[in-house]
Amino acid sequence: MIELDLKGLNCPMPILKTKQAMKNMVKGDQLRVLATDPHSEIDFKAYLARTGDHLLECFEADGVFTFLIEKA
């Protein structure tokens, strides 16, 4: 599993960095993303709806959003 620490970055950087990382992934690979942008949950759900990749987990703790994404 790959982990991206994108804390401190604001839109659109978390999505752009995630998109770059996912280019090199194959079906079934998983990516864990950590972000602090308060709009990241909305942004990631919209992005994944377009790509067809799967959001396996999404939660927030102490201002840090964690997204577990599986490449479709």
N, C-alpha and C. Protein backbone atom coordinates (compact mmCIF):
# COMPACT_ATOMS: atom_id res chain seq x y z
N MET A 1 0.85 -1.18 0.00
CA MET A 1 0.00 0.00 0.00
C MET A 1 0.89 1.24 0.00
N ILE A 2 0.48 2.19 -0.79
CA ILE A 2 1.17 3.49 -0.87
C ILE A 2 0.46 4.46 0.05
N GLU A 3 1.22 5.34 0.70
CA GLU A 3 0.60 6.36 1.54
C GLU A 3 1.09 7.73 1.08
N LEU A 4 0.14 8.64 0.90
CA LEU A 4 0.46 10.03 0.55
C LEU A 4 0.10 10.93 1.72
N ASP A 5 1.07 11.66 2.22
CA ASP A 5 0.84 12.63 3.28
C ASP A 5 0.68 13.99 2.62
N LEU A 6 -0.55 14.43 2.48
CA LEU A 6 -0.85 15.69 1.80
C LEU A 6 -1.36 16.75 2.78
N LYS A 7 -1.05 16.55 4.04
CA LYS A 7 -1.49 17.50 5.07
C LYS A 7 -0.86 18.87 4.77
N GLY A 8 -1.66 19.90 4.95
CA GLY A 8 -1.20 21.27 4.73
C GLY A 8 -1.43 21.78 3.32
N LEU A 9 -1.79 20.89 2.40
CA LEU A 9 -2.06 21.31 1.02
C LEU A 9 -3.54 21.63 0.86
N ASN A 10 -3.84 22.65 0.09
CA ASN A 10 -5.22 23.03 -0.19
C ASN A 10 -5.59 22.70 -1.61
N CYS A 11 -6.89 22.64 -1.85
CA CYS A 11 -7.45 22.35 -3.16
C CYS A 11 -6.82 23.27 -4.21
N PRO A 12 -6.42 22.72 -5.33
CA PRO A 12 -6.66 21.37 -5.85
C PRO A 12 -5.50 20.40 -5.64
N MET A 13 -4.49 20.77 -4.87
CA MET A 13 -3.29 19.96 -4.77
C MET A 13 -3.52 18.53 -4.26
N PRO A 14 -4.34 18.28 -3.23
CA PRO A 14 -4.51 16.88 -2.81
C PRO A 14 -5.05 15.99 -3.93
N ILE A 15 -5.98 16.50 -4.70
CA ILE A 15 -6.53 15.71 -5.82
C ILE A 15 -5.48 15.52 -6.90
N LEU A 16 -4.75 16.57 -7.24
CA LEU A 16 -3.73 16.45 -8.28
C LEU A 16 -2.62 15.47 -7.89
N LYS A 17 -2.18 15.53 -6.66
CA LYS A 17 -1.13 14.60 -6.19
C LYS A 17 -1.66 13.16 -6.17
N THR A 18 -2.91 13.00 -5.79
CA THR A 18 -3.52 11.67 -5.78
C THR A 18 -3.62 11.13 -7.20
N LYS A 19 -4.06 11.98 -8.11
CA LYS A 19 -4.18 11.57 -9.52
C LYS A 19 -2.83 11.11 -10.07
N GLN A 20 -1.76 11.85 -9.75
CA GLN A 20 -0.41 11.46 -10.19
C GLN A 20 -0.02 10.10 -9.64
N ALA A 21 -0.26 9.88 -8.36
CA ALA A 21 0.12 8.61 -7.73
C ALA A 21 -0.67 7.45 -8.34
N MET A 22 -1.93 7.67 -8.65
CA MET A 22 -2.77 6.60 -9.15
C MET A 22 -2.45 6.22 -10.59
N LYS A 23 -1.78 7.10 -11.33
CA LYS A 23 -1.39 6.77 -12.70
C LYS A 23 -0.50 5.54 -12.75
N ASN A 24 0.33 5.36 -11.72
CA ASN A 24 1.30 4.26 -11.69
C ASN A 24 0.77 3.01 -11.01
N MET A 25 -0.48 3.02 -10.62
CA MET A 25 -1.07 1.89 -9.91
C MET A 25 -1.83 0.98 -10.87
N VAL A 26 -2.00 -0.27 -10.46
CA VAL A 26 -2.78 -1.23 -11.25
C VAL A 26 -4.02 -1.63 -10.46
N LYS A 27 -4.96 -2.24 -11.15
CA LYS A 27 -6.23 -2.63 -10.53
C LYS A 27 -5.97 -3.41 -9.23
N GLY A 28 -6.66 -2.99 -8.18
CA GLY A 28 -6.54 -3.66 -6.89
C GLY A 28 -5.53 -3.02 -5.95
N ASP A 29 -4.63 -2.20 -6.47
CA ASP A 29 -3.68 -1.49 -5.61
C ASP A 29 -4.44 -0.51 -4.72
N GLN A 30 -3.90 -0.28 -3.53
CA GLN A 30 -4.55 0.63 -2.60
C GLN A 30 -3.65 1.81 -2.26
N LEU A 31 -4.29 2.94 -2.04
CA LEU A 31 -3.60 4.19 -1.72
C LEU A 31 -4.28 4.80 -0.50
N ARG A 32 -3.47 5.12 0.50
CA ARG A 32 -3.99 5.82 1.68
C ARG A 32 -3.54 7.27 1.57
N VAL A 33 -4.50 8.18 1.67
CA VAL A 33 -4.23 9.61 1.55
C VAL A 33 -4.59 10.30 2.87
N LEU A 34 -3.68 11.13 3.37
CA LEU A 34 -3.92 11.94 4.55
C LEU A 34 -3.98 13.40 4.10
N ALA A 35 -5.05 14.09 4.47
CA ALA A 35 -5.24 15.47 4.04
C ALA A 35 -5.88 16.30 5.16
N THR A 36 -5.60 17.59 5.15
CA THR A 36 -6.18 18.49 6.15
C THR A 36 -7.10 19.53 5.54
N ASP A 37 -7.19 19.58 4.23
CA ASP A 37 -8.08 20.54 3.56
C ASP A 37 -9.52 20.23 3.99
N PRO A 38 -10.23 21.20 4.57
CA PRO A 38 -11.58 20.93 5.08
C PRO A 38 -12.58 20.50 4.00
N HIS A 39 -12.27 20.76 2.73
CA HIS A 39 -13.17 20.36 1.63
C HIS A 39 -12.75 19.05 0.99
N SER A 40 -11.73 18.41 1.54
CA SER A 40 -11.18 17.23 0.87
C SER A 40 -12.18 16.08 0.76
N GLU A 41 -13.06 15.89 1.74
CA GLU A 41 -14.01 14.80 1.65
C GLU A 41 -14.92 14.98 0.43
N ILE A 42 -15.43 16.17 0.25
CA ILE A 42 -16.28 16.47 -0.91
C ILE A 42 -15.48 16.30 -2.20
N ASP A 43 -14.27 16.84 -2.22
CA ASP A 43 -13.43 16.77 -3.42
C ASP A 43 -13.10 15.33 -3.80
N PHE A 44 -12.70 14.51 -2.81
CA PHE A 44 -12.33 13.13 -3.12
C PHE A 44 -13.52 12.32 -3.59
N LYS A 45 -14.66 12.50 -2.97
CA LYS A 45 -15.85 11.75 -3.40
C LYS A 45 -16.24 12.12 -4.83
N ALA A 46 -16.17 13.39 -5.18
CA ALA A 46 -16.48 13.81 -6.55
C ALA A 46 -15.45 13.27 -7.54
N TYR A 47 -14.19 13.34 -7.18
CA TYR A 47 -13.11 12.84 -8.04
C TYR A 47 -13.28 11.34 -8.30
N LEU A 48 -13.53 10.57 -7.24
CA LEU A 48 -13.65 9.13 -7.40
C LEU A 48 -14.92 8.73 -8.15
N ALA A 49 -15.96 9.52 -8.05
CA ALA A 49 -17.16 9.26 -8.84
C ALA A 49 -16.86 9.36 -10.33
N ARG A 50 -15.95 10.25 -10.70
CA ARG A 50 -15.57 10.40 -12.11
C ARG A 50 -14.63 9.30 -12.57
N THR A 51 -13.71 8.86 -11.71
CA THR A 51 -12.70 7.89 -12.13
C THR A 51 -13.19 6.45 -12.05
N GLY A 52 -14.16 6.18 -11.18
CA GLY A 52 -14.62 4.82 -10.99
C GLY A 52 -13.80 4.04 -9.97
N ASP A 53 -12.77 4.67 -9.41
CA ASP A 53 -11.99 4.02 -8.36
C ASP A 53 -12.84 3.96 -7.10
N HIS A 54 -12.46 3.10 -6.16
CA HIS A 54 -13.30 2.81 -5.01
C HIS A 54 -12.79 3.47 -3.72
N LEU A 55 -13.67 4.15 -3.03
CA LEU A 55 -13.36 4.70 -1.72
C LEU A 55 -13.73 3.64 -0.69
N LEU A 56 -12.72 3.01 -0.10
CA LEU A 56 -12.95 1.93 0.84
C LEU A 56 -13.16 2.44 2.26
N GLU A 57 -12.54 3.58 2.54
CA GLU A 57 -12.59 4.11 3.90
C GLU A 57 -12.43 5.62 3.83
N CYS A 58 -13.16 6.31 4.69
CA CYS A 58 -13.06 7.77 4.77
C CYS A 58 -13.44 8.17 6.18
N PHE A 59 -12.49 8.80 6.88
CA PHE A 59 -12.81 9.29 8.21
C PHE A 59 -11.93 10.48 8.55
N GLU A 60 -12.35 11.21 9.58
CA GLU A 60 -11.63 12.40 10.04
C GLU A 60 -11.33 12.24 11.52
N ALA A 61 -10.10 12.55 11.90
CA ALA A 61 -9.69 12.52 13.31
C ALA A 61 -8.72 13.67 13.54
N ASP A 62 -9.05 14.52 14.48
CA ASP A 62 -8.19 15.65 14.85
C ASP A 62 -7.83 16.53 13.65
N GLY A 63 -8.79 16.73 12.75
CA GLY A 63 -8.57 17.60 11.61
C GLY A 63 -7.85 16.96 10.44
N VAL A 64 -7.54 15.67 10.54
CA VAL A 64 -6.87 14.96 9.45
C VAL A 64 -7.86 13.97 8.84
N PHE A 65 -8.08 14.12 7.54
CA PHE A 65 -8.94 13.20 6.80
C PHE A 65 -8.09 12.07 6.26
N THR A 66 -8.59 10.86 6.40
CA THR A 66 -7.91 9.68 5.86
C THR A 66 -8.83 9.04 4.83
N PHE A 67 -8.26 8.80 3.66
CA PHE A 67 -8.99 8.17 2.55
C PHE A 67 -8.23 6.92 2.14
N LEU A 68 -8.92 5.81 2.07
CA LEU A 68 -8.34 4.58 1.54
C LEU A 68 -9.02 4.32 0.21
N ILE A 69 -8.22 4.33 -0.84
CA ILE A 69 -8.73 4.24 -2.21
C ILE A 69 -8.16 2.98 -2.86
N GLU A 70 -9.02 2.29 -3.60
CA GLU A 70 -8.58 1.13 -4.37
C GLU A 70 -8.74 1.43 -5.85
N LYS A 71 -7.68 1.15 -6.60
CA LYS A 71 -7.68 1.36 -8.04
C LYS A 71 -8.64 0.38 -8.69
N ALA A 72 -9.52 0.88 -9.55
CA ALA A 72 -10.50 0.03 -10.24
C ALA A 72 -9.89 -0.54 -11.52
